[in-house]
Amino acid sequence: MLALIPLWLVASWLLPTDDPLVHQKLAWLFVPYVVIAIGSAETPFLRRASRWGDLSYGIYLWGFLVQQILISQLGIVPPPVNIVLVAALTALAAFASWHLVEKRALRLRPRAPAAAP
């Protein structure tokens, strides 16, 4: 399934860009398979990635904002380029958010009282 990613990228760059629906139809075709493949894959790398912090909430929090900023600065770019840029910049924002805000805020939460023996 992950072999579809390079195929999608090549198809997006080779097809004519004068019709934006071509890229949208390609995305409709490839993105669900890629998401399912990545979501169901056993990836030791992702398990080890947590040593850098919990980026999940930061990705959720910053993803849309990063995408909108990129669109405002670069305009509409082909979906594969958009996905790569947004994913990379969102991961950086999530990393910074975890280490500068979230981890510190979690230290301030009240601790549960110790259970009585």
C-alpha atoms as a PDB file:
ATOM      1  CA  MET A   1       0.000   0.000   0.000  1.00  0.00           C
ATOM      2  CA  LEU A   2       2.772   2.457   0.817  1.00  0.00           C
ATOM      3  CA  ALA A   3       4.083   1.959  -2.714  1.00  0.00           C
ATOM      4  CA  LEU A   4       1.095   4.045  -3.806  1.00  0.00           C
ATOM      5  CA  ILE A   5       2.665   7.208  -2.370  1.00  0.00           C
ATOM      6  CA  PRO A   6       5.429   7.503  -4.999  1.00  0.00           C
ATOM      7  CA  LEU A   7       2.931   6.541  -7.706  1.00  0.00           C
ATOM      8  CA  TRP A   8       0.590   9.298  -6.532  1.00  0.00           C
ATOM      9  CA  LEU A   9       3.410  11.860  -6.455  1.00  0.00           C
ATOM     10  CA  VAL A  10       4.617  10.961  -9.937  1.00  0.00           C
ATOM     11  CA  ALA A  11       1.084  10.997 -11.339  1.00  0.00           C
ATOM     12  CA  SER A  12       0.410  14.404  -9.791  1.00  0.00           C
ATOM     13  CA  TRP A  13       3.526  15.932 -11.307  1.00  0.00           C
ATOM     14  CA  LEU A  14       3.136  14.347 -14.748  1.00  0.00           C
ATOM     15  CA  LEU A  15      -0.515  15.145 -15.318  1.00  0.00           C
ATOM     16  CA  PRO A  16      -1.488  18.540 -16.690  1.00  0.00           C
ATOM     17  CA  THR A  17      -1.963  21.182 -14.023  1.00  0.00           C
ATOM     18  CA  ASP A  18      -4.427  23.326 -15.975  1.00  0.00           C
ATOM     19  CA  ASP A  19      -7.322  21.277 -14.586  1.00  0.00           C
ATOM     20  CA  PRO A  20      -7.332  21.398 -10.753  1.00  0.00           C
ATOM     21  CA  LEU A  21      -9.917  18.614 -10.622  1.00  0.00           C
ATOM     22  CA  VAL A  22      -7.287  16.156 -11.856  1.00  0.00           C
ATOM     23  CA  HIS A  23      -5.323  16.559  -8.635  1.00  0.00           C
ATOM     24  CA  GLN A  24      -8.473  16.402  -6.546  1.00  0.00           C
ATOM     25  CA  LYS A  25      -9.558  13.157  -8.192  1.00  0.00           C
ATOM     26  CA  LEU A  26      -6.089  11.683  -7.682  1.00  0.00           C
ATOM     27  CA  ALA A  27      -6.254  12.633  -4.017  1.00  0.00           C
ATOM     28  CA  TRP A  28      -9.679  11.005  -3.683  1.00  0.00           C
ATOM     29  CA  LEU A  29      -8.222   7.865  -5.202  1.00  0.00           C
ATOM     30  CA  PHE A  30      -4.940   7.610  -3.291  1.00  0.00           C
ATOM     31  CA  VAL A  31      -5.358   9.318   0.101  1.00  0.00           C
ATOM     32  CA  PRO A  32      -7.787   6.787   1.646  1.00  0.00           C
ATOM     33  CA  TYR A  33      -5.494   3.872   0.769  1.00  0.00           C
ATOM     34  CA  VAL A  34      -2.416   5.678   2.051  1.00  0.00           C
ATOM     35  CA  VAL A  35      -4.125   6.666   5.315  1.00  0.00           C
ATOM     36  CA  ILE A  36      -5.373   3.116   5.919  1.00  0.00           C
ATOM     37  CA  ALA A  37      -1.941   1.681   5.100  1.00  0.00           C
ATOM     38  CA  ILE A  38      -0.146   4.044   7.450  1.00  0.00           C
ATOM     39  CA  GLY A  39      -2.750   3.697  10.200  1.00  0.00           C
ATOM     40  CA  SER A  40      -2.741  -0.088  10.173  1.00  0.00           C
ATOM     41  CA  ALA A  41       1.015  -0.554   9.712  1.00  0.00           C
ATOM     42  CA  GLU A  42       3.165  -1.830  12.554  1.00  0.00           C
ATOM     43  CA  THR A  43       5.844   0.820  12.669  1.00  0.00           C
ATOM     44  CA  PRO A  44       8.619   0.526  15.257  1.00  0.00           C
ATOM     45  CA  PHE A  45       9.794   3.994  14.177  1.00  0.00           C
ATOM     46  CA  LEU A  46       6.558   5.584  15.383  1.00  0.00           C
ATOM     47  CA  ARG A  47       6.814   3.776  18.713  1.00  0.00           C
ATOM     48  CA  ARG A  48      10.337   5.111  19.172  1.00  0.00           C
ATOM     49  CA  ALA A  49       9.287   8.600  18.014  1.00  0.00           C
ATOM     50  CA  SER A  50       7.599   9.253  21.360  1.00  0.00           C
ATOM     51  CA  ARG A  51      11.018   9.775  22.933  1.00  0.00           C
ATOM     52  CA  TRP A  52      10.888  13.300  21.439  1.00  0.00           C
ATOM     53  CA  GLY A  53       7.585  14.061  23.140  1.00  0.00           C
ATOM     54  CA  ASP A  54       3.868  13.611  22.574  1.00  0.00           C
ATOM     55  CA  LEU A  55       3.213  15.498  19.361  1.00  0.00           C
ATOM     56  CA  SER A  56      -0.336  14.254  18.770  1.00  0.00           C
ATOM     57  CA  TYR A  57      -2.195  17.161  20.368  1.00  0.00           C
ATOM     58  CA  GLY A  58       0.170  19.692  18.803  1.00  0.00           C
ATOM     59  CA  ILE A  59      -0.421  18.205  15.362  1.00  0.00           C
ATOM     60  CA  TYR A  60      -4.166  18.437  15.953  1.00  0.00           C
ATOM     61  CA  LEU A  61      -3.839  21.973  17.294  1.00  0.00           C
ATOM     62  CA  TRP A  62      -1.498  23.457  14.687  1.00  0.00           C
ATOM     63  CA  GLY A  63      -2.318  21.515  11.497  1.00  0.00           C
ATOM     64  CA  PHE A  64      -5.137  23.691  10.189  1.00  0.00           C
ATOM     65  CA  LEU A  65      -3.384  26.954  11.058  1.00  0.00           C
ATOM     66  CA  VAL A  66      -0.167  25.884   9.326  1.00  0.00           C
ATOM     67  CA  GLN A  67      -2.110  24.807   6.253  1.00  0.00           C
ATOM     68  CA  GLN A  68      -3.942  28.123   6.041  1.00  0.00           C
ATOM     69  CA  ILE A  69      -0.732  30.124   6.476  1.00  0.00           C
ATOM     70  CA  LEU A  70       0.947  28.116   3.706  1.00  0.00           C
ATOM     71  CA  ILE A  71      -1.987  28.673   1.372  1.00  0.00           C
ATOM     72  CA  SER A  72      -1.974  32.398   2.092  1.00  0.00           C
ATOM     73  CA  GLN A  73       1.785  32.640   1.447  1.00  0.00           C
ATOM     74  CA  LEU A  74       2.257  30.176  -1.434  1.00  0.00           C
ATOM     75  CA  GLY A  75      -1.199  30.055  -2.967  1.00  0.00           C
ATOM     76  CA  ILE A  76      -2.688  26.783  -4.127  1.00  0.00           C
ATOM     77  CA  VAL A  77       0.003  24.161  -4.693  1.00  0.00           C
ATOM     78  CA  PRO A  78      -0.440  20.539  -5.846  1.00  0.00           C
ATOM     79  CA  PRO A  79      -1.864  18.363  -3.035  1.00  0.00           C
ATOM     80  CA  PRO A  80       1.240  16.168  -2.603  1.00  0.00           C
ATOM     81  CA  VAL A  81       3.426  19.245  -2.150  1.00  0.00           C
ATOM     82  CA  ASN A  82       0.868  20.735   0.233  1.00  0.00           C
ATOM     83  CA  ILE A  83       0.722  17.544   2.301  1.00  0.00           C
ATOM     84  CA  VAL A  84       4.510  17.249   2.598  1.00  0.00           C
ATOM     85  CA  LEU A  85       5.000  20.917   3.521  1.00  0.00           C
ATOM     86  CA  VAL A  86       2.099  21.022   5.967  1.00  0.00           C
ATOM     87  CA  ALA A  87       3.122  17.745   7.633  1.00  0.00           C
ATOM     88  CA  ALA A  88       6.731  18.854   8.101  1.00  0.00           C
ATOM     89  CA  LEU A  89       5.910  22.339   9.388  1.00  0.00           C
ATOM     90  CA  THR A  90       3.103  21.053  11.605  1.00  0.00           C
ATOM     91  CA  ALA A  91       5.427  18.474  13.159  1.00  0.00           C
ATOM     92  CA  LEU A  92       7.927  21.243  13.932  1.00  0.00           C
ATOM     93  CA  ALA A  93       5.202  23.409  15.483  1.00  0.00           C
ATOM     94  CA  ALA A  94       3.912  20.425  17.493  1.00  0.00           C
ATOM     95  CA  PHE A  95       7.436  19.675  18.724  1.00  0.00           C
ATOM     96  CA  ALA A  96       7.907  23.269  19.857  1.00  0.00           C
ATOM     97  CA  SER A  97       4.445  23.347  21.415  1.00  0.00           C
ATOM     98  CA  TRP A  98       5.114  20.147  23.397  1.00  0.00           C
ATOM     99  CA  HIS A  99       8.464  21.252  24.761  1.00  0.00           C
ATOM    100  CA  LEU A 100       7.676  24.932  25.351  1.00  0.00           C
ATOM    101  CA  VAL A 101       4.071  24.773  26.603  1.00  0.00           C
ATOM    102  CA  GLU A 102       2.359  21.399  27.020  1.00  0.00           C
ATOM    103  CA  LYS A 103       5.006  19.504  29.010  1.00  0.00           C
ATOM    104  CA  ARG A 104       5.425  22.412  31.396  1.00  0.00           C
ATOM    105  CA  ALA A 105       1.663  22.841  31.808  1.00  0.00           C
ATOM    106  CA  LEU A 106       1.251  19.147  32.668  1.00  0.00           C
ATOM    107  CA  ARG A 107       3.658  19.581  35.581  1.00  0.00           C
ATOM    108  CA  LEU A 108       1.251  22.123  37.096  1.00  0.00           C
ATOM    109  CA  ARG A 109      -1.763  19.821  37.244  1.00  0.00           C
ATOM    110  CA  PRO A 110      -2.829  18.600  40.678  1.00  0.00           C
ATOM    111  CA  ARG A 111      -1.516  15.196  41.655  1.00  0.00           C
ATOM    112  CA  ALA A 112      -3.899  12.458  42.705  1.00  0.00           C
ATOM    113  CA  PRO A 113      -3.639  11.645  46.427  1.00  0.00           C
ATOM    114  CA  ALA A 114      -1.859   8.428  47.270  1.00  0.00           C
ATOM    115  CA  ALA A 115      -4.175   5.496  47.872  1.00  0.00           C
ATOM    116  CA  ALA A 116      -4.488   4.334  51.467  1.00  0.00           C
ATOM    117  CA  PRO A 117      -3.047   0.849  52.122  1.00  0.00           C
END
